[in-house]
Amino acid sequence: MASTISVPEPDDFLPARRVWERYGVTQMTLWRWLHDDKMRFPQPVYFGRRRYFRLSDIESWERQRITDSGAGVPQ
């Protein structure tokens, strides 16, 4: 019986490089965000040795950051 390798769909997952490019940060900054409990940055999913981030988790984190900052909320 042949085994199959599951490959993430490009629209559902972002590789780590695309995440740090999205925010204009370095790989080290992304590592710090992942280890900073206050940031609550989404944790990656591993496919083999590669890290991917669920796009839905990233977008949810972005919305939460806006809500937490109070941006767009009338005073």
PDB file of N, CA and C in Angstrom:
ATOM      1  N   MET A   1       0.844  -1.174   0.000  1.00  0.00           N
ATOM      2  CA  MET A   1       0.000   0.000   0.000  1.00  0.00           C
ATOM      3  C   MET A   1       0.891   1.238   0.000  1.00  0.00           C
ATOM      4  N   ALA A   2       0.669   2.130  -0.930  1.00  0.00           N
ATOM      5  CA  ALA A   2       1.470   3.354  -1.040  1.00  0.00           C
ATOM      6  C   ALA A   2       0.951   4.399  -0.069  1.00  0.00           C
ATOM      7  N   SER A   3       1.877   5.125   0.534  1.00  0.00           N
ATOM      8  CA  SER A   3       1.466   6.198   1.430  1.00  0.00           C
ATOM      9  C   SER A   3       1.393   7.503   0.643  1.00  0.00           C
ATOM     10  N   THR A   4       0.520   8.377   1.075  1.00  0.00           N
ATOM     11  CA  THR A   4       0.391   9.671   0.421  1.00  0.00           C
ATOM     12  C   THR A   4       0.861  10.756   1.363  1.00  0.00           C
ATOM     13  N   ILE A   5       1.395  11.795   0.793  1.00  0.00           N
ATOM     14  CA  ILE A   5       1.869  12.929   1.577  1.00  0.00           C
ATOM     15  C   ILE A   5       0.835  14.034   1.466  1.00  0.00           C
ATOM     16  N   SER A   6       0.420  14.541   2.599  1.00  0.00           N
ATOM     17  CA  SER A   6      -0.558  15.622   2.615  1.00  0.00           C
ATOM     18  C   SER A   6       0.171  16.953   2.442  1.00  0.00           C
ATOM     19  N   VAL A   7      -0.230  17.698   1.442  1.00  0.00           N
ATOM     20  CA  VAL A   7       0.370  19.003   1.164  1.00  0.00           C
ATOM     21  C   VAL A   7      -0.681  20.066   1.450  1.00  0.00           C
ATOM     22  N   PRO A   8      -0.319  21.121   2.174  1.00  0.00           N
ATOM     23  CA  PRO A   8      -1.310  22.145   2.504  1.00  0.00           C
ATOM     24  C   PRO A   8      -1.771  22.890   1.262  1.00  0.00           C
ATOM     25  N   GLU A   9      -3.022  23.298   1.268  1.00  0.00           N
ATOM     26  CA  GLU A   9      -3.545  24.118   0.183  1.00  0.00           C
ATOM     27  C   GLU A   9      -2.956  25.520   0.320  1.00  0.00           C
ATOM     28  N   PRO A  10      -2.524  26.133  -0.772  1.00  0.00           N
ATOM     29  CA  PRO A  10      -1.878  27.440  -0.688  1.00  0.00           C
ATOM     30  C   PRO A  10      -2.771  28.535  -0.127  1.00  0.00           C
ATOM     31  N   ASP A  11      -4.097  28.442  -0.315  1.00  0.00           N
ATOM     32  CA  ASP A  11      -4.989  29.477   0.187  1.00  0.00           C
ATOM     33  C   ASP A  11      -5.291  29.328   1.674  1.00  0.00           C
ATOM     34  N   ASP A  12      -5.055  28.144   2.208  1.00  0.00           N
ATOM     35  CA  ASP A  12      -5.391  27.884   3.600  1.00  0.00           C
ATOM     36  C   ASP A  12      -4.225  28.098   4.558  1.00  0.00           C
ATOM     37  N   PHE A  13      -3.016  27.982   4.065  1.00  0.00           N
ATOM     38  CA  PHE A  13      -1.824  28.066   4.905  1.00  0.00           C
ATOM     39  C   PHE A  13      -0.797  29.025   4.310  1.00  0.00           C
ATOM     40  N   LEU A  14      -0.046  29.668   5.196  1.00  0.00           N
ATOM     41  CA  LEU A  14       1.069  30.518   4.770  1.00  0.00           C
ATOM     42  C   LEU A  14       2.352  29.918   5.320  1.00  0.00           C
ATOM     43  N   PRO A  15       3.376  29.772   4.480  1.00  0.00           N
ATOM     44  CA  PRO A  15       4.658  29.342   5.016  1.00  0.00           C
ATOM     45  C   PRO A  15       5.226  30.450   5.908  1.00  0.00           C
ATOM     46  N   ALA A  16       6.106  30.088   6.807  1.00  0.00           N
ATOM     47  CA  ALA A  16       6.672  31.053   7.756  1.00  0.00           C
ATOM     48  C   ALA A  16       7.244  32.273   7.042  1.00  0.00           C
ATOM     49  N   ARG A  17       7.922  32.070   5.929  1.00  0.00           N
ATOM     50  CA  ARG A  17       8.511  33.200   5.200  1.00  0.00           C
ATOM     51  C   ARG A  17       7.446  34.212   4.785  1.00  0.00           C
ATOM     52  N   ARG A  18       6.305  33.741   4.316  1.00  0.00           N
ATOM     53  CA  ARG A  18       5.231  34.654   3.909  1.00  0.00           C
ATOM     54  C   ARG A  18       4.677  35.420   5.107  1.00  0.00           C
ATOM     55  N   VAL A  19       4.688  34.796   6.290  1.00  0.00           N
ATOM     56  CA  VAL A  19       4.192  35.467   7.489  1.00  0.00           C
ATOM     57  C   VAL A  19       5.126  36.604   7.867  1.00  0.00           C
ATOM     58  N   TRP A  20       6.432  36.357   7.915  1.00  0.00           N
ATOM     59  CA  TRP A  20       7.323  37.450   8.311  1.00  0.00           C
ATOM     60  C   TRP A  20       7.389  38.519   7.232  1.00  0.00           C
ATOM     61  N   GLU A  21       7.205  38.158   5.960  1.00  0.00           N
ATOM     62  CA  GLU A  21       7.120  39.165   4.898  1.00  0.00           C
ATOM     63  C   GLU A  21       5.830  39.975   5.024  1.00  0.00           C
ATOM     64  N   ARG A  22       4.750  39.337   5.433  1.00  0.00           N
ATOM     65  CA  ARG A  22       3.452  40.011   5.590  1.00  0.00           C
ATOM     66  C   ARG A  22       3.543  41.162   6.580  1.00  0.00           C
ATOM     67  N   TYR A  23       4.325  40.971   7.643  1.00  0.00           N
ATOM     68  CA  TYR A  23       4.433  41.982   8.686  1.00  0.00           C
ATOM     69  C   TYR A  23       5.721  42.798   8.606  1.00  0.00           C
ATOM     70  N   GLY A  24       6.567  42.512   7.646  1.00  0.00           N
ATOM     71  CA  GLY A  24       7.808  43.266   7.493  1.00  0.00           C
ATOM     72  C   GLY A  24       8.760  43.068   8.659  1.00  0.00           C
ATOM     73  N   VAL A  25       8.800  41.859   9.184  1.00  0.00           N
ATOM     74  CA  VAL A  25       9.679  41.553  10.316  1.00  0.00           C
ATOM     75  C   VAL A  25      10.665  40.462   9.911  1.00  0.00           C
ATOM     76  N   THR A  26      11.627  40.227  10.772  1.00  0.00           N
ATOM     77  CA  THR A  26      12.617  39.185  10.510  1.00  0.00           C
ATOM     78  C   THR A  26      12.133  37.843  11.050  1.00  0.00           C
ATOM     79  N   GLN A  27      12.841  36.825  10.673  1.00  0.00           N
ATOM     80  CA  GLN A  27      12.556  35.479  11.172  1.00  0.00           C
ATOM     81  C   GLN A  27      12.688  35.447  12.690  1.00  0.00           C
ATOM     82  N   MET A  28      13.654  36.180  13.216  1.00  0.00           N
ATOM     83  CA  MET A  28      13.866  36.210  14.669  1.00  0.00           C
ATOM     84  C   MET A  28      12.695  36.872  15.389  1.00  0.00           C
ATOM     85  N   THR A  29      12.149  37.934  14.796  1.00  0.00           N
ATOM     86  CA  THR A  29      10.983  38.585  15.400  1.00  0.00           C
ATOM     87  C   THR A  29       9.802  37.631  15.442  1.00  0.00           C
ATOM     88  N   LEU A  30       9.584  36.901  14.368  1.00  0.00           N
ATOM     89  CA  LEU A  30       8.504  35.918  14.359  1.00  0.00           C
ATOM     90  C   LEU A  30       8.720  34.884  15.457  1.00  0.00           C
ATOM     91  N   TRP A  31       9.943  34.440  15.632  1.00  0.00           N
ATOM     92  CA  TRP A  31      10.256  33.486  16.695  1.00  0.00           C
ATOM     93  C   TRP A  31       9.912  34.081  18.059  1.00  0.00           C
ATOM     94  N   ARG A  32      10.253  35.360  18.265  1.00  0.00           N
ATOM     95  CA  ARG A  32       9.953  36.027  19.539  1.00  0.00           C
ATOM     96  C   ARG A  32       8.444  36.109  19.763  1.00  0.00           C
ATOM     97  N   TRP A  33       7.695  36.453  18.713  1.00  0.00           N
ATOM     98  CA  TRP A  33       6.244  36.528  18.839  1.00  0.00           C
ATOM     99  C   TRP A  33       5.672  35.180  19.251  1.00  0.00           C
ATOM    100  N   LEU A  34       6.206  34.114  18.672  1.00  0.00           N
ATOM    101  CA  LEU A  34       5.709  32.776  18.984  1.00  0.00           C
ATOM    102  C   LEU A  34       5.984  32.384  20.431  1.00  0.00           C
ATOM    103  N   HIS A  35       7.011  32.950  21.035  1.00  0.00           N
ATOM    104  CA  HIS A  35       7.396  32.596  22.402  1.00  0.00           C
ATOM    105  C   HIS A  35       6.964  33.642  23.432  1.00  0.00           C
ATOM    106  N   ASP A  36       6.259  34.685  22.992  1.00  0.00           N
ATOM    107  CA  ASP A  36       5.776  35.734  23.890  1.00  0.00           C
ATOM    108  C   ASP A  36       4.287  35.492  24.157  1.00  0.00           C
ATOM    109  N   ASP A  37       3.972  35.052  25.361  1.00  0.00           N
ATOM    110  CA  ASP A  37       2.583  34.733  25.702  1.00  0.00           C
ATOM    111  C   ASP A  37       1.656  35.942  25.570  1.00  0.00           C
ATOM    112  N   LYS A  38       2.180  37.149  25.787  1.00  0.00           N
ATOM    113  CA  LYS A  38       1.357  38.355  25.684  1.00  0.00           C
ATOM    114  C   LYS A  38       0.927  38.637  24.252  1.00  0.00           C
ATOM    115  N   MET A  39       1.718  38.221  23.268  1.00  0.00           N
ATOM    116  CA  MET A  39       1.386  38.455  21.859  1.00  0.00           C
ATOM    117  C   MET A  39       0.234  37.564  21.399  1.00  0.00           C
ATOM    118  N   ARG A  40       0.126  36.374  21.989  1.00  0.00           N
ATOM    119  CA  ARG A  40      -0.902  35.400  21.587  1.00  0.00           C
ATOM    120  C   ARG A  40      -0.878  35.139  20.077  1.00  0.00           C
ATOM    121  N   PHE A  41       0.329  35.101  19.512  1.00  0.00           N
ATOM    122  CA  PHE A  41       0.453  34.857  18.077  1.00  0.00           C
ATOM    123  C   PHE A  41       0.127  33.401  17.780  1.00  0.00           C
ATOM    124  N   PRO A  42      -0.603  33.146  16.693  1.00  0.00           N
ATOM    125  CA  PRO A  42      -0.990  31.771  16.364  1.00  0.00           C
ATOM    126  C   PRO A  42       0.218  30.847  16.197  1.00  0.00           C
ATOM    127  N   GLN A  43       0.087  29.656  16.692  1.00  0.00           N
ATOM    128  CA  GLN A  43       1.159  28.669  16.590  1.00  0.00           C
ATOM    129  C   GLN A  43       1.119  27.998  15.216  1.00  0.00           C
ATOM    130  N   PRO A  44       2.283  27.623  14.715  1.00  0.00           N
ATOM    131  CA  PRO A  44       2.333  27.008  13.389  1.00  0.00           C
ATOM    132  C   PRO A  44       1.911  25.543  13.408  1.00  0.00           C
ATOM    133  N   VAL A  45       1.648  25.062  12.222  1.00  0.00           N
ATOM    134  CA  VAL A  45       1.388  23.650  11.970  1.00  0.00           C
ATOM    135  C   VAL A  45       2.595  23.162  11.191  1.00  0.00           C
ATOM    136  N   TYR A  46       3.088  21.990  11.526  1.00  0.00           N
ATOM    137  CA  TYR A  46       4.269  21.460  10.842  1.00  0.00           C
ATOM    138  C   TYR A  46       3.871  20.403   9.824  1.00  0.00           C
ATOM    139  N   PHE A  47       4.395  20.561   8.618  1.00  0.00           N
ATOM    140  CA  PHE A  47       4.289  19.555   7.574  1.00  0.00           C
ATOM    141  C   PHE A  47       5.722  19.134   7.294  1.00  0.00           C
ATOM    142  N   GLY A  48       6.089  17.988   7.827  1.00  0.00           N
ATOM    143  CA  GLY A  48       7.492  17.601   7.764  1.00  0.00           C
ATOM    144  C   GLY A  48       8.269  18.549   8.668  1.00  0.00           C
ATOM    145  N   ARG A  49       9.298  19.169   8.130  1.00  0.00           N
ATOM    146  CA  ARG A  49      10.111  20.113   8.903  1.00  0.00           C
ATOM    147  C   ARG A  49       9.725  21.565   8.635  1.00  0.00           C
ATOM    148  N   ARG A  50       8.729  21.776   7.821  1.00  0.00           N
ATOM    149  CA  ARG A  50       8.338  23.138   7.440  1.00  0.00           C
ATOM    150  C   ARG A  50       7.175  23.640   8.286  1.00  0.00           C
ATOM    151  N   ARG A  51       7.265  24.934   8.627  1.00  0.00           N
ATOM    152  CA  ARG A  51       6.215  25.571   9.426  1.00  0.00           C
ATOM    153  C   ARG A  51       5.237  26.293   8.518  1.00  0.00           C
ATOM    154  N   TYR A  52       3.967  26.094   8.789  1.00  0.00           N
ATOM    155  CA  TYR A  52       2.904  26.801   8.084  1.00  0.00           C
ATOM    156  C   TYR A  52       1.963  27.373   9.126  1.00  0.00           C
ATOM    157  N   PHE A  53       1.349  28.488   8.772  1.00  0.00           N
ATOM    158  CA  PHE A  53       0.385  29.127   9.653  1.00  0.00           C
ATOM    159  C   PHE A  53      -0.964  29.129   8.960  1.00  0.00           C
ATOM    160  N   ARG A  54      -1.995  28.787   9.700  1.00  0.00           N
ATOM    161  CA  ARG A  54      -3.337  28.823   9.123  1.00  0.00           C
ATOM    162  C   ARG A  54      -3.702  30.284   8.854  1.00  0.00           C
ATOM    163  N   LEU A  55      -4.106  30.567   7.637  1.00  0.00           N
ATOM    164  CA  LEU A  55      -4.474  31.928   7.272  1.00  0.00           C
ATOM    165  C   LEU A  55      -5.623  32.418   8.135  1.00  0.00           C
ATOM    166  N   SER A  56      -6.573  31.564   8.425  1.00  0.00           N
ATOM    167  CA  SER A  56      -7.707  31.970   9.266  1.00  0.00           C
ATOM    168  C   SER A  56      -7.243  32.366  10.668  1.00  0.00           C
ATOM    169  N   ASP A  57      -6.238  31.673  11.217  1.00  0.00           N
ATOM    170  CA  ASP A  57      -5.697  32.031  12.537  1.00  0.00           C
ATOM    171  C   ASP A  57      -4.997  33.384  12.494  1.00  0.00           C
ATOM    172  N   ILE A  58      -4.235  33.619  11.419  1.00  0.00           N
ATOM    173  CA  ILE A  58      -3.518  34.890  11.258  1.00  0.00           C
ATOM    174  C   ILE A  58      -4.514  36.040  11.161  1.00  0.00           C
ATOM    175  N   GLU A  59      -5.547  35.863  10.338  1.00  0.00           N
ATOM    176  CA  GLU A  59      -6.542  36.927  10.166  1.00  0.00           C
ATOM    177  C   GLU A  59      -7.321  37.170  11.449  1.00  0.00           C
ATOM    178  N   SER A  60      -7.624  36.131  12.188  1.00  0.00           N
ATOM    179  CA  SER A  60      -8.306  36.271  13.471  1.00  0.00           C
ATOM    180  C   SER A  60      -7.423  37.024  14.466  1.00  0.00           C
ATOM    181  N   TRP A  61      -6.130  36.711  14.493  1.00  0.00           N
ATOM    182  CA  TRP A  61      -5.185  37.397  15.373  1.00  0.00           C
ATOM    183  C   TRP A  61      -5.122  38.885  15.015  1.00  0.00           C
ATOM    184  N   GLU A  62      -5.111  39.197  13.714  1.00  0.00           N
ATOM    185  CA  GLU A  62      -5.075  40.600  13.278  1.00  0.00           C
ATOM    186  C   GLU A  62      -6.326  41.344  13.753  1.00  0.00           C
ATOM    187  N   ARG A  63      -7.496  40.733  13.593  1.00  0.00           N
ATOM    188  CA  ARG A  63      -8.738  41.370  14.045  1.00  0.00           C
ATOM    189  C   ARG A  63      -8.723  41.578  15.559  1.00  0.00           C
ATOM    190  N   GLN A  64      -8.216  40.602  16.289  1.00  0.00           N
ATOM    191  CA  GLN A  64      -8.159  40.717  17.748  1.00  0.00           C
ATOM    192  C   GLN A  64      -7.226  41.839  18.172  1.00  0.00           C
ATOM    193  N   ARG A  65      -6.117  42.004  17.474  1.00  0.00           N
ATOM    194  CA  ARG A  65      -5.168  43.087  17.791  1.00  0.00           C
ATOM    195  C   ARG A  65      -5.835  44.453  17.595  1.00  0.00           C
ATOM    196  N   ILE A  66      -6.641  44.581  16.540  1.00  0.00           N
ATOM    197  CA  ILE A  66      -7.347  45.842  16.290  1.00  0.00           C
ATOM    198  C   ILE A  66      -8.356  46.092  17.397  1.00  0.00           C
ATOM    199  N   THR A  67      -9.101  45.062  17.780  1.00  0.00           N
ATOM    200  CA  THR A  67     -10.084  45.184  18.843  1.00  0.00           C
ATOM    201  C   THR A  67      -9.414  45.547  20.163  1.00  0.00           C
ATOM    202  N   ASP A  68      -8.295  44.884  20.476  1.00  0.00           N
ATOM    203  CA  ASP A  68      -7.587  45.141  21.732  1.00  0.00           C
ATOM    204  C   ASP A  68      -7.014  46.548  21.791  1.00  0.00           C
ATOM    205  N   SER A  69      -6.628  47.089  20.629  1.00  0.00           N
ATOM    206  CA  SER A  69      -6.027  48.431  20.619  1.00  0.00           C
ATOM    207  C   SER A  69      -7.080  49.525  20.710  1.00  0.00           C
ATOM    208  N   GLY A  70      -8.340  49.155  20.463  1.00  0.00           N
ATOM    209  CA  GLY A  70      -9.399  50.143  20.507  1.00  0.00           C
ATOM    210  C   GLY A  70      -9.532  50.937  19.223  1.00  0.00           C
ATOM    211  N   ALA A  71      -8.772  50.564  18.193  1.00  0.00           N
ATOM    212  CA  ALA A  71      -8.841  51.270  16.921  1.00  0.00           C
ATOM    213  C   ALA A  71     -10.216  51.095  16.300  1.00  0.00           C
ATOM    214  N   GLY A  72     -10.744  52.168  15.780  1.00  0.00           N
ATOM    215  CA  GLY A  72     -12.031  52.114  15.109  1.00  0.00           C
ATOM    216  C   GLY A  72     -13.217  52.143  16.058  1.00  0.00           C
ATOM    217  N   VAL A  73     -12.953  52.270  17.357  1.00  0.00           N
ATOM    218  CA  VAL A  73     -14.024  52.324  18.322  1.00  0.00           C
ATOM    219  C   VAL A  73     -14.267  53.783  18.676  1.00  0.00           C
ATOM    220  N   PRO A  74     -15.494  54.292  18.482  1.00  0.00           N
ATOM    221  CA  PRO A  74     -15.762  55.703  18.810  1.00  0.00           C
ATOM    222  C   PRO A  74     -15.539  55.967  20.292  1.00  0.00           C
ATOM    223  N   GLN A  75     -15.013  57.121  20.580  1.00  0.00           N
ATOM    224  CA  GLN A  75     -14.734  57.507  21.962  1.00  0.00           C
ATOM    225  C   GLN A  75     -15.913  58.227  22.567  1.00  0.00           C
TER     226      GLN A  75
END
